[in-house]
Protein backbone atom coordinates (compact mmCIF):
# COMPACT_ATOMS: atom_id res chain seq x y z
CA MET A 1 22.98 36.28 4.36
CA ARG A 2 23.72 36.30 0.44
CA SER A 3 27.21 34.68 1.00
CA ARG A 4 25.85 31.93 3.25
CA TRP A 5 23.11 31.05 0.65
CA ILE A 6 25.97 30.73 -1.84
CA VAL A 7 27.74 28.31 0.32
CA VAL A 8 24.33 26.36 0.76
CA LEU A 9 23.66 26.21 -2.88
CA LEU A 10 27.31 25.11 -3.71
CA LEU A 11 27.05 22.45 -1.04
CA TYR A 12 23.52 20.95 -2.35
CA GLY A 13 25.21 20.96 -5.82
CA ALA A 14 28.02 19.14 -4.57
CA ILE A 15 25.77 16.65 -2.60
CA ALA A 16 23.36 16.13 -5.98
CA THR A 17 26.59 15.43 -7.86
CA SER A 18 27.54 12.86 -5.42
CA LEU A 19 24.10 11.25 -5.08
CA GLY A 20 23.89 11.26 -8.98
CA HIS A 21 27.46 9.40 -9.30
CA VAL A 22 26.17 6.82 -6.85
CA ASP A 23 22.78 6.48 -8.56
CA PHE A 24 24.13 6.18 -11.96
CA HIS A 25 26.93 3.65 -11.05
CA LEU A 26 25.17 1.61 -8.27
CA ARG A 27 22.65 0.21 -10.86
CA SER A 28 23.01 -2.53 -13.24
CA TYR A 29 22.20 -1.14 -16.98
CA PRO A 30 21.48 2.41 -15.63
CA GLU A 31 20.61 3.50 -19.30
CA ARG A 32 17.52 1.53 -19.45
CA GLY A 33 15.87 4.28 -17.53
CA PHE A 34 16.09 6.53 -20.75
CA THR A 35 16.39 3.72 -23.56
CA GLU A 36 13.34 1.59 -22.62
CA ILE A 37 11.25 3.00 -19.68
CA VAL A 38 11.06 6.56 -20.99
CA PRO A 39 9.89 5.72 -24.63
CA ALA A 40 7.91 2.85 -23.19
CA VAL A 41 5.70 5.25 -21.13
CA ILE A 42 5.46 7.95 -23.85
CA ASN A 43 4.18 5.33 -26.26
CA GLY A 44 1.75 3.85 -23.80
CA THR A 45 3.27 0.37 -23.82
CA GLU A 46 4.95 0.28 -20.45
CA PHE A 47 3.49 -2.38 -17.95
CA PRO A 48 1.15 -0.91 -15.42
CA PRO A 49 1.44 0.77 -13.04
CA GLY A 50 4.70 2.37 -14.62
CA ARG A 51 2.43 3.26 -17.53
CA TYR A 52 0.74 6.00 -15.69
CA ARG A 53 3.75 7.63 -14.06
CA VAL A 54 4.04 10.26 -16.77
CA LEU A 55 5.76 13.17 -14.98
CA GLY A 56 9.01 11.84 -15.26
CA PRO A 57 9.49 10.51 -18.72
CA TYR A 58 7.82 13.52 -20.36
CA ALA A 59 10.19 15.90 -18.37
CA TYR A 60 13.08 14.00 -19.32
CA GLU A 61 12.26 14.06 -23.00
CA GLY A 62 11.51 17.76 -22.93
CA LEU A 63 14.73 18.43 -21.56
CA ARG A 64 16.32 16.36 -23.92
CA ARG A 65 14.80 18.28 -27.01
CA MET A 66 15.18 21.68 -25.19
CA THR A 67 18.95 21.11 -24.75
CA GLY A 68 19.63 19.26 -27.74
CA LEU A 69 21.97 17.05 -25.46
CA ALA A 70 22.76 13.41 -25.92
CA PRO A 71 20.18 10.87 -24.28
CA ALA A 72 22.72 9.86 -21.74
CA THR A 73 23.78 13.35 -20.86
CA ALA A 74 20.25 14.81 -20.59
CA TRP A 75 19.63 11.91 -18.24
CA VAL A 76 22.14 12.66 -16.01
CA LEU A 77 21.38 16.07 -15.99
CA PHE A 78 17.74 15.20 -15.36
CA ARG A 79 18.65 13.26 -12.41
CA TRP A 80 21.03 16.07 -11.08
CA LEU A 81 18.23 18.61 -11.12
CA CYS A 82 15.94 16.01 -9.35
CA LEU A 83 18.48 15.51 -6.61
CA PHE A 84 19.17 19.34 -6.54
CA GLY A 85 15.55 20.22 -6.10
CA GLY A 86 14.98 17.43 -3.63
CA LEU A 87 17.66 19.10 -1.39
CA LEU A 88 15.91 22.35 -1.86
CA ALA A 89 12.51 21.03 -1.22
CA MET A 90 13.78 19.33 1.92
CA HIS A 91 15.27 22.55 3.12
CA TRP A 92 11.93 24.33 2.81
CA LEU A 93 9.98 21.70 4.54
CA LEU A 94 12.38 21.97 7.65
CA ARG A 95 12.33 25.71 7.51
CA ALA A 96 8.77 25.33 8.52
CA TRP A 97 9.99 24.53 12.04
CA PHE A 98 13.59 25.25 12.33
CA ASP A 99 16.26 28.00 11.29
CA ASP A 100 18.50 27.58 8.33
CA ARG A 101 21.41 25.60 9.88
CA THR A 102 18.95 22.89 11.11
CA ALA A 103 17.29 22.93 7.91
CA VAL A 104 20.72 22.27 5.91
CA LEU A 105 21.58 19.55 8.39
CA GLY A 106 18.35 17.93 8.00
CA ALA A 107 18.55 17.98 4.07
CA ILE A 108 21.97 16.62 4.13
CA ALA A 109 20.33 13.88 6.52
CA SER A 110 17.88 12.98 3.93
CA ALA A 111 20.46 12.79 1.12
CA ALA A 112 22.70 10.61 3.13
CA LEU A 113 19.60 8.12 3.74
CA LEU A 114 18.51 8.26 0.06
CA PRO A 115 20.91 5.72 -1.27
CA LEU A 116 18.92 3.29 0.66
CA THR A 117 16.21 3.71 -1.81
CA PHE A 118 18.58 2.86 -4.53
CA THR A 119 18.62 -0.94 -4.16
CA ASN A 120 17.73 -3.50 -6.63
CA SER A 121 15.91 -1.49 -9.19
CA TRP A 122 16.30 -0.01 -12.54
CA ALA A 123 16.62 3.95 -12.71
CA HIS A 124 12.87 4.55 -13.06
CA PRO A 125 12.29 8.07 -14.05
CA ASP A 126 9.89 8.89 -11.15
CA HIS A 127 12.03 7.70 -8.53
CA LEU A 128 14.27 10.79 -7.72
CA LEU A 129 11.28 13.10 -8.61
CA GLU A 130 9.25 11.66 -6.18
CA TRP A 131 11.74 12.53 -3.14
CA GLY A 132 11.53 16.35 -3.96
CA LEU A 133 7.77 16.53 -4.94
CA PHE A 134 6.69 14.79 -1.82
CA ALA A 135 8.85 17.02 0.24
CA LEU A 136 7.61 20.00 -1.64
CA ALA A 137 3.86 19.32 -1.29
CA MET A 138 4.32 18.54 2.53
CA ALA A 139 6.44 21.78 2.89
CA CYS A 140 3.19 23.48 1.46
CA LEU A 141 1.16 21.81 4.19
CA ALA A 142 3.66 22.71 6.66
CA HIS A 143 3.70 26.24 5.89
CA ASP A 144 -0.24 26.44 5.39
CA ARG A 145 0.05 27.40 1.79
CA PHE A 146 -2.98 25.45 0.08
CA THR A 147 -2.76 27.35 -2.99
CA LEU A 148 0.69 26.10 -3.72
CA PHE A 149 -0.04 22.62 -2.34
CA VAL A 150 -2.75 22.13 -4.94
CA PRO A 151 -0.19 22.22 -7.96
CA ALA A 152 2.21 20.26 -5.92
CA LEU A 153 -0.22 17.54 -5.44
CA ALA A 154 -1.05 17.58 -9.09
CA LEU A 155 2.55 16.87 -9.92
CA CYS A 156 3.06 14.40 -7.56
CA ALA A 157 0.03 12.74 -8.86
CA LEU A 158 1.21 12.52 -12.23
CA ASN A 159 4.35 11.16 -10.93
CA ARG A 160 3.38 8.34 -8.62
CA GLU A 161 0.36 6.70 -7.03
CA THR A 162 2.24 7.35 -3.59
CA SER A 163 1.01 10.94 -3.89
CA VAL A 164 -2.37 9.53 -2.47
CA PHE A 165 -0.77 9.64 0.93
CA LEU A 166 -0.85 13.45 0.75
CA VAL A 167 -4.61 13.42 1.03
CA PRO A 168 -4.49 12.07 4.54
CA LEU A 169 -1.82 14.11 5.40
CA ALA A 170 -3.66 17.20 4.40
CA LEU A 171 -6.90 16.20 6.49
CA GLY A 172 -4.34 15.55 9.59
CA ALA A 173 -2.40 18.96 9.35
CA ARG A 174 -4.77 20.92 11.43
CA PRO A 175 -7.92 20.44 13.60
CA ILE A 176 -11.21 19.56 11.74
CA SER A 177 -12.89 22.66 10.52
CA ARG A 178 -14.92 23.77 7.63
CA ARG A 179 -12.03 25.08 5.63
CA LEU A 180 -9.99 21.78 6.40
CA LEU A 181 -13.01 19.68 4.94
CA ILE A 182 -13.28 21.82 2.04
CA GLU A 183 -9.49 21.93 1.11
CA GLY A 184 -9.63 17.96 1.92
CA GLY A 185 -12.30 17.49 -0.48
CA ILE A 186 -10.43 19.58 -3.30
CA ALA A 187 -7.38 17.46 -2.61
CA THR A 188 -9.26 14.15 -3.22
CA ALA A 189 -10.89 15.26 -6.36
CA ILE A 190 -7.75 16.51 -7.68
CA TRP A 191 -6.16 13.26 -7.03
CA ALA A 192 -8.79 11.19 -8.01
CA THR A 193 -9.53 13.23 -11.45
CA ILE A 194 -5.80 12.66 -12.38
CA TYR A 195 -5.87 9.01 -11.45
CA VAL A 196 -8.78 8.35 -13.79
CA LEU A 197 -7.64 10.67 -16.62
CA LEU A 198 -4.15 9.06 -16.61
CA ARG A 199 -5.82 5.65 -17.46
CA VAL A 200 -8.21 7.07 -20.16
CA TRP A 201 -5.17 8.75 -21.74
CA LYS A 202 -2.81 5.70 -21.41
CA GLY A 203 -5.36 2.88 -21.52
CA ALA A 204 -6.58 1.05 -18.67
CA ALA A 205 -4.79 -2.07 -18.15
CA TRP A 206 -5.52 -4.79 -15.12
CA TYR A 207 -2.48 -6.14 -13.32
CA ASP A 208 -2.14 -8.06 -10.02
CA PRO A 209 -0.51 -5.98 -7.38
CA TRP A 210 -0.91 -8.52 -4.64
CA ASN A 211 2.85 -9.38 -3.34
CA VAL A 212 2.59 -10.36 0.13
CA SER A 213 3.94 -13.93 -0.67
CA MET A 214 6.90 -12.58 -2.46
CA ASN A 215 7.78 -10.16 0.16
CA LEU A 216 7.44 -12.80 3.13
CA THR A 217 9.88 -14.80 0.99
CA ASN A 218 12.41 -11.95 0.22
CA LEU A 219 12.44 -10.86 3.92
CA GLY A 220 14.36 -14.31 4.26
CA LEU A 221 17.97 -14.29 2.96
CA LEU A 222 17.93 -15.10 -0.80
CA GLY A 223 20.12 -17.89 -2.01
CA GLU A 224 23.82 -18.52 -1.84
CA ASN A 225 23.96 -17.48 -5.59
CA TYR A 226 23.23 -14.11 -4.64
CA ASP A 227 25.89 -11.62 -3.45
CA PHE A 228 26.22 -11.42 0.30
CA TYR A 229 25.04 -7.78 0.29
CA TYR A 230 22.20 -8.07 -2.22
CA ARG A 231 20.68 -10.85 -0.22
CA ARG A 232 19.80 -8.27 2.24
CA TYR A 233 18.21 -5.66 0.13
CA ALA A 234 14.56 -6.50 1.39
CA TRP A 235 15.62 -5.26 4.94
CA PHE A 236 16.70 -1.80 3.45
CA PHE A 237 13.20 -0.54 4.02
CA VAL A 238 13.18 -1.35 7.57
CA VAL A 239 16.25 0.41 8.18
CA LEU A 240 15.06 3.56 6.39
CA ALA A 241 12.02 3.42 8.76
CA LEU A 242 13.56 2.77 12.19
CA PRO A 243 15.05 6.29 12.79
CA GLY A 244 11.88 8.02 12.07
CA PHE A 245 9.60 5.73 14.31
CA ALA A 246 12.04 6.04 17.17
CA ALA A 247 12.26 9.88 16.60
CA ALA A 248 8.51 10.11 16.81
CA ALA A 249 8.01 7.95 20.02
CA SER A 250 10.66 10.12 21.67
CA ALA A 251 9.54 13.26 20.62
CA TRP A 252 5.97 12.90 20.51
CA ALA A 253 5.17 15.77 22.95
CA ARG A 254 6.78 18.13 20.81
CA LEU A 255 5.79 17.43 17.45
CA PRO A 256 3.38 19.69 15.48
CA ARG A 257 0.06 18.03 14.29
CA LEU A 258 1.29 17.45 10.77
CA LEU A 259 4.11 15.38 11.86
CA ARG A 260 1.92 13.38 14.36
CA THR A 261 -0.28 12.37 11.51
CA ALA A 262 2.61 11.69 9.59
CA ALA A 263 4.09 9.17 12.17
CA ALA A 264 0.72 7.69 13.35
CA ILE A 265 -1.19 7.43 10.13
CA VAL A 266 0.58 8.18 6.94
CA ALA A 267 3.87 6.26 7.54
CA PRO A 268 2.35 3.19 8.68
CA MET A 269 -0.27 3.37 5.95
CA LEU A 270 2.73 3.59 3.36
CA LEU A 271 4.56 0.67 4.92
CA ALA A 272 1.74 -1.25 4.79
CA VAL A 273 0.34 -0.61 1.23
CA GLY A 274 4.18 -1.19 0.12
CA PHE A 275 4.18 -4.53 1.74
CA LEU A 276 0.80 -5.73 0.39
CA PHE A 277 0.97 -4.22 -3.17
CA SER A 278 4.62 -3.44 -3.99
CA SER A 279 7.98 -5.34 -3.82
CA VAL A 280 9.76 -4.44 -0.73
CA ILE A 281 13.09 -5.46 -2.23
CA GLU A 282 12.91 -2.48 -4.11
CA SER A 283 12.95 0.01 -1.38
CA ARG A 284 12.58 2.90 -3.53
CA ILE A 285 8.89 2.64 -3.00
CA PHE A 286 9.27 3.88 0.43
CA THR A 287 11.11 7.28 -0.65
CA PRO A 288 8.30 9.35 0.78
CA LEU A 289 9.53 8.31 4.41
CA LEU A 290 12.39 10.60 3.82
CA PRO A 291 10.26 13.82 3.93
CA LEU A 292 8.09 12.32 6.53
CA MET A 293 10.61 11.41 9.23
CA ILE A 294 13.53 13.64 8.72
CA PRO A 295 11.60 16.74 10.41
CA MET A 296 10.75 14.24 13.48
CA ILE A 297 14.33 13.24 13.84
CA ALA A 298 15.26 16.94 13.94
CA PHE A 299 12.82 17.57 16.91
CA ALA A 300 13.91 14.26 18.53
CA LEU A 301 17.67 15.36 18.65
CA GLY A 302 16.60 18.63 20.07
CA ALA A 303 16.73 21.12 17.52
CA GLU A 304 15.14 24.23 18.56
CA ALA A 305 11.95 25.55 16.77
CA ASP A 306 12.70 28.80 15.01
CA ARG A 307 10.52 31.31 16.59
CA SER A 308 9.95 33.33 13.31
CA THR A 309 8.08 30.28 11.85
CA LYS A 310 5.06 28.93 13.22
CA VAL A 311 4.56 25.34 14.75
CA ALA A 312 1.09 24.24 14.63
């Protein structure tokens, strides 16, 4: 058992290194994340809503000061830790239903799809954190560990507003009961409180989030002055979403309640809100689709549920 876990950890370390290399070298001006965005968030001068995504910038700055590393080196280490943690969180999420071998394969599949979210955007400090934190919070629900879900939700809320989709996911994780309603109320209160306090702390600033017209334009091919590959960036979120929805449809009868809620309610809500209020050409906004949909794909491919775990 110990030797197997050594192999798994080495494998996840190698994958995190590979993804980190792609993340750093695929983007234009990768240093902008730590030279511009991090200081702007900490100083409260970043444009909203990025101003309120505080967890990544403060975590990076804390790591840099604690280690004494050069800013660029600390940034690479920070991103690597986010990726390695994301793989571990995906593994624990999948272990709610499957054995270790399926969990490893699912985590690898998630990592293979993650570069679809690297398109046409700066290296935002919150992005890679979101992958692991959303998977962690979802894993807490899958394992029925609400006491762990509470701090995971709080961390997600400090990182990105997409954490709000964890609330309906929590409410749909089990049949309606008094306990579920109490826990749902607690989750709602935690998210709303953090949302408000961040705006009190960093200063409330209005911005127009409506992006439907721009997104409809970007779904058409961009002009000839753009690289042939870049002209299709706006469709990457569709490529990211299709396997999960196909899996949910084919494996619906086998899916646990949490994943049915993810497929029927939360994932469509995420896509709709992203299309209405974000820029779909930056497919990083749909990163939570990975933890939402990878377990559905495992069920659709016929992975057997681990009898040592509870499938609700």
